């Protein structure tokens, strides 16, 4: 599901970003997903390592920043979201969020109703992208959850939305939900399949 190669895994292990394991837990998959996003933004492994070390020093309650914190990058700096605020990982400097009007535009976005299965999948993808954008801009996490939930309602096989919901609730320590879609049986099954596919050979 994550599309991480064996070579990339070994590289992250050599740099101390992940531990060598025989199978990956859900926490491990969250960490891999965060590393993959940083890699897509061309952040060197050594810089990631320095940022993780700095975060553990600044945030004594955090043991595994990659899985416990929302980490993102603009291609130059690595930042985390703490209590609704963005903080630069290396320096601890607080960063400004996007303009409120921009967030309002994202929150008011609503895809057109779908007329068929293909349309429903396209609409689900639109809600998924909306959720991603809301997360990246630091909007209230409840808005991103609403978007991901809507994506899964339209397309129960929307793996990206399911994984992101699971990630959000894991970080919030909400391992069990009495309602909603993040931990339904279908999600557990897809998670088990993705974990199996990422077992080191």
N, C-alpha and C. Protein backbone atom coordinates (compact mmCIF):
# COMPACT_ATOMS: atom_id res chain seq x y z
N UNK A 1 0.82 -1.21 0.00
CA UNK A 1 0.00 0.00 0.00
C UNK A 1 0.86 1.26 0.00
N UNK A 2 1.95 1.26 0.78
CA UNK A 2 2.78 2.44 0.87
C UNK A 2 3.79 2.53 -0.26
N UNK A 3 4.08 1.41 -0.92
CA UNK A 3 4.99 1.43 -2.04
C UNK A 3 6.43 1.73 -1.67
N UNK A 4 6.87 1.30 -0.49
CA UNK A 4 8.25 1.53 -0.05
C UNK A 4 9.10 0.34 -0.45
N UNK A 5 10.20 0.60 -1.14
CA UNK A 5 11.05 -0.49 -1.63
C UNK A 5 11.93 -1.04 -0.50
N UNK A 6 12.41 -2.26 -0.72
CA UNK A 6 13.32 -2.89 0.24
C UNK A 6 14.58 -2.06 0.40
N UNK A 7 15.08 -1.52 -0.70
CA UNK A 7 16.29 -0.69 -0.66
C UNK A 7 16.08 0.56 0.20
N UNK A 8 14.90 1.18 0.07
CA UNK A 8 14.61 2.37 0.85
C UNK A 8 14.52 2.04 2.33
N UNK A 9 13.90 0.91 2.66
CA UNK A 9 13.81 0.48 4.06
C UNK A 9 15.19 0.31 4.67
N UNK A 10 16.08 -0.36 3.93
CA UNK A 10 17.43 -0.58 4.44
C UNK A 10 18.16 0.75 4.66
N UNK A 11 17.93 1.70 3.76
CA UNK A 11 18.57 3.02 3.89
C UNK A 11 18.09 3.71 5.15
N UNK A 12 16.80 3.70 5.41
CA UNK A 12 16.27 4.33 6.62
C UNK A 12 16.80 3.64 7.87
N UNK A 13 16.95 2.31 7.80
CA UNK A 13 17.51 1.58 8.93
C UNK A 13 18.95 2.00 9.20
N UNK A 14 19.75 2.14 8.12
CA UNK A 14 21.16 2.53 8.28
C UNK A 14 21.29 3.91 8.92
N UNK A 15 20.34 4.78 8.62
CA UNK A 15 20.38 6.14 9.17
C UNK A 15 19.71 6.21 10.54
N UNK A 16 19.24 5.09 11.06
CA UNK A 16 18.63 5.07 12.38
C UNK A 16 17.24 5.67 12.45
N UNK A 17 16.58 5.81 11.30
CA UNK A 17 15.24 6.41 11.29
C UNK A 17 14.17 5.39 11.66
N UNK A 18 14.41 4.12 11.37
CA UNK A 18 13.51 3.05 11.78
C UNK A 18 14.36 1.90 12.29
N UNK A 19 13.73 1.02 13.06
CA UNK A 19 14.43 -0.15 13.57
C UNK A 19 14.19 -1.35 12.64
N UNK A 20 15.15 -2.24 12.59
CA UNK A 20 14.99 -3.45 11.79
C UNK A 20 14.03 -4.40 12.52
N UNK A 21 12.94 -4.76 11.86
CA UNK A 21 11.94 -5.65 12.45
C UNK A 21 11.53 -6.70 11.43
N UNK A 22 10.95 -7.80 11.92
CA UNK A 22 10.49 -8.86 11.01
C UNK A 22 9.12 -8.53 10.45
N UNK A 23 8.28 -7.86 11.24
CA UNK A 23 6.96 -7.41 10.77
C UNK A 23 6.73 -5.99 11.28
N UNK A 24 5.87 -5.26 10.59
CA UNK A 24 5.61 -3.88 10.96
C UNK A 24 4.28 -3.77 11.70
N UNK A 25 4.29 -3.01 12.80
CA UNK A 25 3.08 -2.70 13.54
C UNK A 25 2.39 -1.50 12.88
N UNK A 26 1.19 -1.15 13.39
CA UNK A 26 0.49 0.01 12.85
C UNK A 26 1.32 1.27 13.10
N UNK A 27 1.95 1.36 14.26
CA UNK A 27 2.81 2.49 14.56
C UNK A 27 3.96 2.58 13.57
N UNK A 28 4.53 1.44 13.20
CA UNK A 28 5.62 1.42 12.21
C UNK A 28 5.15 1.93 10.86
N UNK A 29 3.93 1.54 10.47
CA UNK A 29 3.41 1.96 9.17
C UNK A 29 3.19 3.47 9.14
N UNK A 30 2.75 4.04 10.27
CA UNK A 30 2.58 5.49 10.34
C UNK A 30 3.94 6.18 10.16
N UNK A 31 4.97 5.63 10.82
CA UNK A 31 6.31 6.19 10.70
C UNK A 31 6.81 6.10 9.26
N UNK A 32 6.57 4.97 8.61
CA UNK A 32 6.99 4.80 7.22
C UNK A 32 6.29 5.80 6.30
N UNK A 33 5.01 6.00 6.56
CA UNK A 33 4.25 6.96 5.75
C UNK A 33 4.83 8.36 5.91
N UNK A 34 5.18 8.74 7.15
CA UNK A 34 5.76 10.06 7.39
C UNK A 34 7.11 10.20 6.69
N UNK A 35 7.93 9.15 6.76
CA UNK A 35 9.23 9.18 6.08
C UNK A 35 9.06 9.29 4.58
N UNK A 36 8.07 8.59 4.06
CA UNK A 36 7.83 8.62 2.62
C UNK A 36 7.46 10.04 2.17
N UNK A 37 6.63 10.73 2.96
CA UNK A 37 6.25 12.10 2.61
C UNK A 37 7.46 13.03 2.66
N UNK A 38 8.32 12.86 3.65
CA UNK A 38 9.53 13.68 3.75
C UNK A 38 10.46 13.41 2.57
N UNK A 39 10.55 12.15 2.18
CA UNK A 39 11.39 11.79 1.04
C UNK A 39 10.85 12.43 -0.24
N UNK A 40 9.52 12.44 -0.40
CA UNK A 40 8.91 13.07 -1.57
C UNK A 40 9.23 14.56 -1.63
N UNK A 41 9.44 15.16 -0.46
CA UNK A 41 9.81 16.58 -0.40
C UNK A 41 11.32 16.78 -0.44
N UNK A 42 12.05 15.69 -0.75
CA UNK A 42 13.50 15.74 -0.95
C UNK A 42 14.26 16.18 0.32
N UNK A 43 13.78 15.71 1.47
CA UNK A 43 14.49 15.99 2.72
C UNK A 43 15.51 14.88 2.94
N UNK A 44 16.81 15.19 3.06
CA UNK A 44 17.84 14.16 3.24
C UNK A 44 17.65 13.39 4.55
N UNK A 45 17.99 12.11 4.56
CA UNK A 45 17.85 11.30 5.78
C UNK A 45 18.57 11.89 6.98
N UNK A 46 19.77 12.47 6.77
CA UNK A 46 20.52 13.04 7.90
C UNK A 46 19.77 14.20 8.53
N UNK A 47 19.13 15.02 7.71
CA UNK A 47 18.36 16.15 8.23
C UNK A 47 17.15 15.64 8.99
N UNK A 48 16.52 14.58 8.49
CA UNK A 48 15.39 13.98 9.20
C UNK A 48 15.84 13.47 10.56
N UNK A 49 17.00 12.81 10.58
CA UNK A 49 17.53 12.29 11.84
C UNK A 49 17.78 13.39 12.86
N UNK A 50 18.35 14.51 12.39
CA UNK A 50 18.62 15.64 13.31
C UNK A 50 17.31 16.21 13.85
N UNK A 51 16.30 16.28 12.97
CA UNK A 51 15.00 16.82 13.39
C UNK A 51 14.35 15.91 14.43
N UNK A 52 14.43 14.61 14.24
CA UNK A 52 13.84 13.67 15.19
C UNK A 52 14.54 13.75 16.54
N UNK A 53 15.87 13.86 16.52
CA UNK A 53 16.62 13.99 17.77
C UNK A 53 16.23 15.27 18.50
N UNK A 54 16.10 16.37 17.77
CA UNK A 54 15.72 17.65 18.37
C UNK A 54 14.32 17.58 18.97
N UNK A 55 13.40 16.92 18.28
CA UNK A 55 12.03 16.81 18.79
C UNK A 55 11.98 16.01 20.08
N UNK A 56 12.76 14.95 20.16
CA UNK A 56 12.76 14.13 21.38
C UNK A 56 13.35 14.90 22.56
N UNK A 57 14.29 15.80 22.28
CA UNK A 57 14.86 16.63 23.34
C UNK A 57 13.88 17.70 23.80
N UNK A 58 13.17 18.31 22.83
CA UNK A 58 12.23 19.38 23.15
C UNK A 58 10.94 18.85 23.77
N UNK A 59 10.50 17.69 23.32
CA UNK A 59 9.23 17.12 23.78
C UNK A 59 9.52 15.82 24.51
N UNK A 60 9.74 15.93 25.81
CA UNK A 60 10.18 14.77 26.59
C UNK A 60 9.17 13.63 26.62
N UNK A 61 7.89 13.96 26.38
CA UNK A 61 6.86 12.91 26.42
C UNK A 61 6.76 12.13 25.12
N UNK A 62 7.49 12.57 24.10
CA UNK A 62 7.43 11.93 22.79
C UNK A 62 8.62 10.98 22.62
N UNK A 63 8.33 9.71 22.39
CA UNK A 63 9.38 8.72 22.19
C UNK A 63 9.61 8.41 20.72
N UNK A 64 8.53 8.43 19.93
CA UNK A 64 8.63 8.10 18.51
C UNK A 64 7.96 9.21 17.70
N UNK A 65 8.67 10.28 17.42
CA UNK A 65 8.07 11.43 16.73
C UNK A 65 7.38 11.08 15.42
N UNK A 66 7.95 10.17 14.65
CA UNK A 66 7.38 9.86 13.34
C UNK A 66 5.98 9.30 13.43
N UNK A 67 5.67 8.56 14.47
CA UNK A 67 4.35 7.97 14.60
C UNK A 67 3.45 8.71 15.58
N UNK A 68 4.03 9.48 16.49
CA UNK A 68 3.24 10.17 17.50
C UNK A 68 2.88 11.60 17.12
N UNK A 69 3.61 12.19 16.18
CA UNK A 69 3.37 13.58 15.80
C UNK A 69 3.01 13.69 14.33
N UNK A 70 2.29 14.75 13.99
CA UNK A 70 2.01 15.08 12.60
C UNK A 70 3.21 15.85 12.07
N UNK A 71 3.99 15.20 11.20
CA UNK A 71 5.22 15.80 10.67
C UNK A 71 5.04 16.09 9.18
N UNK A 72 5.46 17.27 8.76
CA UNK A 72 5.36 17.62 7.34
C UNK A 72 6.49 18.57 6.97
N UNK A 73 6.62 18.82 5.67
CA UNK A 73 7.72 19.66 5.19
C UNK A 73 7.30 20.42 3.94
N UNK A 74 7.91 21.59 3.76
CA UNK A 74 7.69 22.37 2.55
C UNK A 74 8.85 22.20 1.57
N UNK A 75 9.73 21.22 1.85
CA UNK A 75 10.89 21.01 1.00
C UNK A 75 12.15 21.65 1.53
N UNK A 76 12.00 22.57 2.50
CA UNK A 76 13.16 23.23 3.09
C UNK A 76 13.26 22.93 4.59
N UNK A 77 12.15 23.05 5.28
CA UNK A 77 12.15 22.82 6.73
C UNK A 77 11.22 21.65 7.08
N UNK A 78 11.46 21.09 8.26
CA UNK A 78 10.60 20.04 8.79
C UNK A 78 9.84 20.64 9.96
N UNK A 79 8.53 20.47 9.95
CA UNK A 79 7.70 21.05 11.01
C UNK A 79 6.77 19.99 11.59
N UNK A 80 6.27 20.25 12.78
CA UNK A 80 5.29 19.38 13.43
C UNK A 80 4.12 20.22 13.89
N UNK A 81 2.99 19.56 14.09
CA UNK A 81 1.81 20.26 14.59
C UNK A 81 1.63 19.90 16.05
N UNK A 82 1.67 20.91 16.91
CA UNK A 82 1.54 20.73 18.36
C UNK A 82 0.40 21.61 18.85
N UNK A 83 -0.64 20.98 19.41
CA UNK A 83 -1.77 21.73 19.97
C UNK A 83 -2.33 22.76 19.00
N UNK A 84 -2.44 22.37 17.73
CA UNK A 84 -2.99 23.26 16.73
C UNK A 84 -2.03 24.27 16.15
N UNK A 85 -0.79 24.28 16.63
CA UNK A 85 0.22 25.21 16.14
C UNK A 85 1.35 24.46 15.44
N UNK A 86 1.96 25.13 14.45
CA UNK A 86 3.07 24.53 13.73
C UNK A 86 4.40 24.95 14.36
N UNK A 87 5.29 23.99 14.57
CA UNK A 87 6.60 24.28 15.16
C UNK A 87 7.69 23.70 14.28
N UNK A 88 8.73 24.51 14.02
CA UNK A 88 9.87 24.04 13.24
C UNK A 88 10.64 23.04 14.10
N UNK A 89 10.90 21.85 13.55
CA UNK A 89 11.42 20.74 14.35
C UNK A 89 12.81 21.02 14.91
N UNK A 90 13.71 21.56 14.12
CA UNK A 90 15.09 21.74 14.56
C UNK A 90 15.26 22.88 15.58
N UNK A 91 14.56 24.00 15.35
CA UNK A 91 14.76 25.18 16.19
C UNK A 91 13.71 25.34 17.28
N UNK A 92 12.55 24.72 17.10
CA UNK A 92 11.47 24.90 18.05
C UNK A 92 10.69 26.18 17.82
N UNK A 93 10.99 26.90 16.73
CA UNK A 93 10.30 28.15 16.43
C UNK A 93 8.89 27.87 15.94
N UNK A 94 7.92 28.64 16.48
CA UNK A 94 6.54 28.49 16.04
C UNK A 94 6.35 29.14 14.68
N UNK A 95 5.57 28.51 13.82
CA UNK A 95 5.35 28.98 12.46
C UNK A 95 3.91 29.46 12.30
N UNK A 96 3.71 30.43 11.42
CA UNK A 96 2.38 30.94 11.17
C UNK A 96 1.60 29.95 10.32
N UNK A 97 0.29 29.82 10.61
CA UNK A 97 -0.58 29.00 9.78
C UNK A 97 -1.01 29.79 8.56
N UNK A 98 -1.67 29.11 7.63
CA UNK A 98 -2.17 29.78 6.43
C UNK A 98 -3.26 30.78 6.82
N UNK A 99 -3.50 31.70 5.93
CA UNK A 99 -4.51 32.71 6.16
C UNK A 99 -5.87 32.07 6.41
N UNK A 100 -6.65 32.64 7.32
CA UNK A 100 -7.94 32.07 7.70
C UNK A 100 -8.88 31.98 6.51
N UNK A 101 -8.80 32.95 5.59
CA UNK A 101 -9.69 32.92 4.43
C UNK A 101 -9.40 31.73 3.54
N UNK A 102 -8.10 31.32 3.48
CA UNK A 102 -7.74 30.16 2.69
C UNK A 102 -8.33 28.89 3.32
N UNK A 103 -8.26 28.81 4.65
CA UNK A 103 -8.84 27.65 5.33
C UNK A 103 -10.34 27.62 5.15
N UNK A 104 -10.97 28.80 5.18
CA UNK A 104 -12.41 28.85 4.99
C UNK A 104 -12.80 28.31 3.63
N UNK A 105 -11.98 28.63 2.62
CA UNK A 105 -12.26 28.11 1.28
C UNK A 105 -12.17 26.61 1.22
N UNK A 106 -11.21 26.04 1.94
CA UNK A 106 -11.08 24.59 1.97
C UNK A 106 -12.26 23.95 2.68
N UNK A 107 -12.68 24.56 3.82
CA UNK A 107 -13.76 23.97 4.60
C UNK A 107 -15.09 24.04 3.86
N UNK A 108 -15.26 25.02 2.99
CA UNK A 108 -16.52 25.16 2.30
C UNK A 108 -16.59 24.33 1.03
N UNK A 109 -15.48 23.70 0.66
CA UNK A 109 -15.43 22.89 -0.55
C UNK A 109 -16.40 21.71 -0.43
N UNK A 110 -17.17 21.46 -1.49
CA UNK A 110 -18.09 20.33 -1.49
C UNK A 110 -18.20 19.77 -2.90
N UNK A 111 -17.72 18.56 -3.15
CA UNK A 111 -17.83 17.96 -4.48
C UNK A 111 -19.28 17.79 -4.90
N UNK A 112 -19.53 17.79 -6.19
CA UNK A 112 -20.87 17.60 -6.70
C UNK A 112 -21.33 16.16 -6.46
N UNK A 113 -22.64 15.95 -6.25
CA UNK A 113 -23.15 14.59 -6.02
C UNK A 113 -22.81 13.66 -7.17
N UNK A 114 -22.50 12.42 -6.85
CA UNK A 114 -22.15 11.43 -7.87
C UNK A 114 -23.41 10.74 -8.38
N UNK A 115 -23.39 10.32 -9.63
CA UNK A 115 -24.54 9.67 -10.23
C UNK A 115 -24.33 8.18 -10.43
N UNK A 116 -23.09 7.68 -10.36
CA UNK A 116 -22.83 6.27 -10.58
C UNK A 116 -21.64 5.84 -9.76
N UNK A 117 -21.25 4.55 -9.87
CA UNK A 117 -20.13 4.04 -9.08
C UNK A 117 -18.85 4.79 -9.37
N UNK A 118 -18.58 5.00 -10.68
CA UNK A 118 -17.38 5.72 -11.05
C UNK A 118 -17.41 7.14 -10.50
N UNK A 119 -18.59 7.76 -10.55
CA UNK A 119 -18.73 9.10 -10.02
C UNK A 119 -18.53 9.13 -8.51
N UNK A 120 -19.04 8.10 -7.83
CA UNK A 120 -18.87 8.03 -6.37
C UNK A 120 -17.40 7.92 -6.00
N UNK A 121 -16.65 7.13 -6.78
CA UNK A 121 -15.22 6.98 -6.50
C UNK A 121 -14.48 8.29 -6.73
N UNK A 122 -14.88 9.00 -7.78
CA UNK A 122 -14.24 10.30 -8.06
C UNK A 122 -14.58 11.31 -6.95
N UNK A 123 -15.83 11.26 -6.50
CA UNK A 123 -16.24 12.17 -5.43
C UNK A 123 -15.52 11.81 -4.14
N UNK A 124 -15.35 10.51 -3.87
CA UNK A 124 -14.61 10.07 -2.68
C UNK A 124 -13.17 10.57 -2.75
N UNK A 125 -12.56 10.49 -3.93
CA UNK A 125 -11.18 10.97 -4.09
C UNK A 125 -11.11 12.47 -3.83
N UNK A 126 -12.16 13.21 -4.26
CA UNK A 126 -12.17 14.65 -4.02
C UNK A 126 -12.23 14.95 -2.53
N UNK A 127 -13.05 14.20 -1.79
CA UNK A 127 -13.11 14.39 -0.34
C UNK A 127 -11.78 14.00 0.32
N UNK A 128 -11.15 12.94 -0.20
CA UNK A 128 -9.85 12.53 0.32
C UNK A 128 -8.82 13.65 0.14
N UNK A 129 -8.78 14.23 -1.05
CA UNK A 129 -7.85 15.33 -1.31
C UNK A 129 -8.17 16.54 -0.44
N UNK A 130 -9.47 16.76 -0.19
CA UNK A 130 -9.86 17.85 0.70
C UNK A 130 -9.30 17.61 2.10
N UNK A 131 -9.41 16.36 2.58
CA UNK A 131 -8.88 16.01 3.90
C UNK A 131 -7.39 16.25 3.98
N UNK A 132 -6.66 15.85 2.93
CA UNK A 132 -5.22 16.08 2.89
C UNK A 132 -4.89 17.56 2.98
N UNK A 133 -5.61 18.35 2.18
CA UNK A 133 -5.35 19.79 2.16
C UNK A 133 -5.64 20.42 3.53
N UNK A 134 -6.70 19.99 4.17
CA UNK A 134 -7.04 20.52 5.50
C UNK A 134 -5.96 20.18 6.52
N UNK A 135 -5.44 18.94 6.45
CA UNK A 135 -4.36 18.55 7.36
C UNK A 135 -3.11 19.39 7.12
N UNK A 136 -2.75 19.55 5.85
CA UNK A 136 -1.51 20.25 5.51
C UNK A 136 -1.56 21.72 5.91
N UNK A 137 -2.75 22.33 5.88
CA UNK A 137 -2.85 23.76 6.18
C UNK A 137 -3.12 24.03 7.65
N UNK A 138 -3.17 22.98 8.47
CA UNK A 138 -3.35 23.18 9.90
C UNK A 138 -4.77 23.51 10.32
N UNK A 139 -5.75 23.17 9.48
CA UNK A 139 -7.15 23.39 9.85
C UNK A 139 -7.52 22.47 11.02
N UNK A 140 -8.61 22.75 11.73
CA UNK A 140 -9.04 21.86 12.82
C UNK A 140 -9.15 20.42 12.33
N UNK A 141 -8.57 19.49 13.10
CA UNK A 141 -8.49 18.11 12.64
C UNK A 141 -9.86 17.50 12.43
N UNK A 142 -10.88 18.04 13.13
CA UNK A 142 -12.24 17.52 12.96
C UNK A 142 -12.73 17.70 11.53
N UNK A 143 -12.28 18.78 10.87
CA UNK A 143 -12.68 19.02 9.49
C UNK A 143 -12.08 17.97 8.56
N UNK A 144 -10.82 17.60 8.81
CA UNK A 144 -10.19 16.56 7.99
C UNK A 144 -10.87 15.22 8.23
N UNK A 145 -11.22 14.93 9.47
CA UNK A 145 -11.92 13.67 9.78
C UNK A 145 -13.25 13.60 9.04
N UNK A 146 -13.98 14.72 9.02
CA UNK A 146 -15.26 14.74 8.30
C UNK A 146 -15.06 14.42 6.82
N UNK A 147 -14.01 14.99 6.23
CA UNK A 147 -13.75 14.76 4.81
C UNK A 147 -13.39 13.30 4.55
N UNK A 148 -12.52 12.73 5.40
CA UNK A 148 -12.13 11.33 5.22
C UNK A 148 -13.31 10.39 5.45
N UNK A 149 -14.13 10.69 6.47
CA UNK A 149 -15.32 9.87 6.72
C UNK A 149 -16.25 9.88 5.51
N UNK A 150 -16.42 11.06 4.92
CA UNK A 150 -17.29 11.17 3.74
C UNK A 150 -16.72 10.38 2.57
N UNK A 151 -15.39 10.41 2.42
CA UNK A 151 -14.75 9.64 1.35
C UNK A 151 -15.03 8.15 1.50
N UNK A 152 -14.95 7.65 2.75
CA UNK A 152 -15.17 6.23 2.99
C UNK A 152 -16.63 5.85 2.82
N UNK A 153 -17.53 6.76 3.17
CA UNK A 153 -18.96 6.50 2.96
C UNK A 153 -19.25 6.30 1.47
N UNK A 154 -18.61 7.11 0.64
CA UNK A 154 -18.82 7.03 -0.80
C UNK A 154 -18.08 5.85 -1.42
N UNK A 155 -16.91 5.53 -0.88
CA UNK A 155 -16.10 4.43 -1.41
C UNK A 155 -15.47 3.67 -0.24
N UNK A 156 -16.13 2.60 0.23
CA UNK A 156 -15.60 1.83 1.37
C UNK A 156 -14.20 1.26 1.14
N UNK A 157 -13.74 1.23 -0.11
CA UNK A 157 -12.40 0.73 -0.41
C UNK A 157 -11.37 1.85 -0.54
N UNK A 158 -11.73 3.05 -0.09
CA UNK A 158 -10.81 4.19 -0.18
C UNK A 158 -9.69 4.02 0.85
N UNK A 159 -8.67 3.26 0.48
CA UNK A 159 -7.61 2.90 1.43
C UNK A 159 -6.90 4.12 2.01
N UNK A 160 -6.64 5.13 1.19
CA UNK A 160 -5.93 6.31 1.66
C UNK A 160 -6.68 7.01 2.78
N UNK A 161 -8.00 7.18 2.61
CA UNK A 161 -8.80 7.82 3.64
C UNK A 161 -8.85 6.97 4.89
N UNK A 162 -8.96 5.66 4.74
CA UNK A 162 -9.00 4.75 5.89
C UNK A 162 -7.70 4.81 6.68
N UNK A 163 -6.59 4.78 5.98
CA UNK A 163 -5.28 4.84 6.66
C UNK A 163 -5.12 6.17 7.39
N UNK A 164 -5.52 7.27 6.74
CA UNK A 164 -5.36 8.58 7.37
C UNK A 164 -6.26 8.72 8.60
N UNK A 165 -7.47 8.16 8.54
CA UNK A 165 -8.33 8.17 9.72
C UNK A 165 -7.69 7.37 10.85
N UNK A 166 -7.19 6.18 10.50
CA UNK A 166 -6.53 5.37 11.51
C UNK A 166 -5.34 6.09 12.13
N UNK A 167 -4.58 6.80 11.29
CA UNK A 167 -3.42 7.55 11.78
C UNK A 167 -3.85 8.64 12.75
N UNK A 168 -4.89 9.39 12.39
CA UNK A 168 -5.37 10.47 13.25
C UNK A 168 -5.80 9.93 14.61
N UNK A 169 -6.59 8.86 14.60
CA UNK A 169 -7.09 8.33 15.87
C UNK A 169 -5.99 7.66 16.67
N UNK A 170 -5.01 7.11 15.99
CA UNK A 170 -3.87 6.53 16.72
C UNK A 170 -3.14 7.64 17.46
N UNK A 171 -2.89 8.75 16.80
CA UNK A 171 -2.18 9.85 17.43
C UNK A 171 -2.98 10.48 18.56
N UNK A 172 -4.31 10.42 18.45
CA UNK A 172 -5.15 10.95 19.51
C UNK A 172 -5.40 9.92 20.60
N UNK A 173 -4.80 8.73 20.44
CA UNK A 173 -4.95 7.64 21.39
C UNK A 173 -6.38 7.13 21.45
N UNK A 174 -7.14 7.34 20.37
CA UNK A 174 -8.51 6.82 20.31
C UNK A 174 -8.49 5.51 19.54
N UNK A 175 -8.10 4.44 20.22
CA UNK A 175 -7.90 3.17 19.55
C UNK A 175 -9.22 2.51 19.17
N UNK A 176 -10.30 2.84 19.88
CA UNK A 176 -11.59 2.22 19.60
C UNK A 176 -12.63 3.31 19.41
N UNK A 177 -13.40 3.20 18.35
CA UNK A 177 -14.47 4.15 18.10
C UNK A 177 -15.80 3.42 18.17
N UNK A 178 -16.80 4.04 18.80
CA UNK A 178 -18.11 3.41 18.89
C UNK A 178 -18.91 3.64 17.62
N UNK A 179 -18.50 4.60 16.83
CA UNK A 179 -19.17 4.86 15.56
C UNK A 179 -18.14 5.32 14.57
N UNK A 180 -18.55 5.49 13.31
CA UNK A 180 -17.60 5.93 12.28
C UNK A 180 -17.02 4.77 11.52
N UNK A 181 -15.94 5.04 10.79
CA UNK A 181 -15.44 4.05 9.84
C UNK A 181 -14.00 3.67 10.00
N UNK A 182 -13.23 4.40 10.83
CA UNK A 182 -11.77 4.23 10.81
C UNK A 182 -11.33 2.84 11.20
N UNK A 183 -12.01 2.18 12.16
CA UNK A 183 -11.55 0.89 12.62
C UNK A 183 -12.56 -0.22 12.32
N UNK A 184 -13.34 -0.06 11.31
CA UNK A 184 -14.28 -1.11 10.96
C UNK A 184 -13.51 -2.34 10.46
N UNK A 185 -14.19 -3.46 10.37
CA UNK A 185 -13.52 -4.71 10.03
C UNK A 185 -12.80 -4.63 8.69
N UNK A 186 -13.41 -3.97 7.75
CA UNK A 186 -12.77 -3.85 6.44
C UNK A 186 -11.44 -3.14 6.52
N UNK A 187 -11.35 -2.14 7.40
CA UNK A 187 -10.09 -1.42 7.58
C UNK A 187 -9.05 -2.32 8.21
N UNK A 188 -9.47 -3.08 9.23
CA UNK A 188 -8.52 -3.99 9.86
C UNK A 188 -7.97 -4.97 8.84
N UNK A 189 -8.84 -5.48 7.97
CA UNK A 189 -8.39 -6.44 6.97
C UNK A 189 -7.40 -5.81 6.02
N UNK A 190 -7.69 -4.58 5.55
CA UNK A 190 -6.77 -3.91 4.62
C UNK A 190 -5.45 -3.60 5.30
N UNK A 191 -5.51 -3.24 6.60
CA UNK A 191 -4.28 -2.97 7.34
C UNK A 191 -3.43 -4.23 7.44
N UNK A 192 -4.07 -5.36 7.72
CA UNK A 192 -3.33 -6.61 7.83
C UNK A 192 -2.67 -6.96 6.50
N UNK A 193 -3.38 -6.73 5.41
CA UNK A 193 -2.81 -7.01 4.08
C UNK A 193 -1.63 -6.10 3.80
N UNK A 194 -1.79 -4.79 4.14
CA UNK A 194 -0.69 -3.86 3.85
C UNK A 194 0.52 -4.16 4.72
N UNK A 195 0.27 -4.56 5.97
CA UNK A 195 1.40 -4.88 6.85
C UNK A 195 2.14 -6.11 6.33
N UNK A 196 1.39 -7.09 5.82
CA UNK A 196 2.02 -8.27 5.28
C UNK A 196 2.86 -7.96 4.06
N UNK A 197 2.36 -7.03 3.23
CA UNK A 197 3.10 -6.68 2.02
C UNK A 197 4.39 -5.96 2.33
N UNK A 198 4.47 -5.35 3.53
CA UNK A 198 5.67 -4.59 3.88
C UNK A 198 6.62 -5.34 4.76
N UNK A 199 6.37 -6.64 4.99
CA UNK A 199 7.29 -7.43 5.79
C UNK A 199 8.64 -7.53 5.09
N UNK A 200 9.73 -7.18 5.80
CA UNK A 200 11.06 -7.28 5.15
C UNK A 200 11.35 -8.70 4.71
N UNK A 201 11.96 -8.84 3.54
CA UNK A 201 12.28 -10.16 3.03
C UNK A 201 13.63 -10.64 3.51
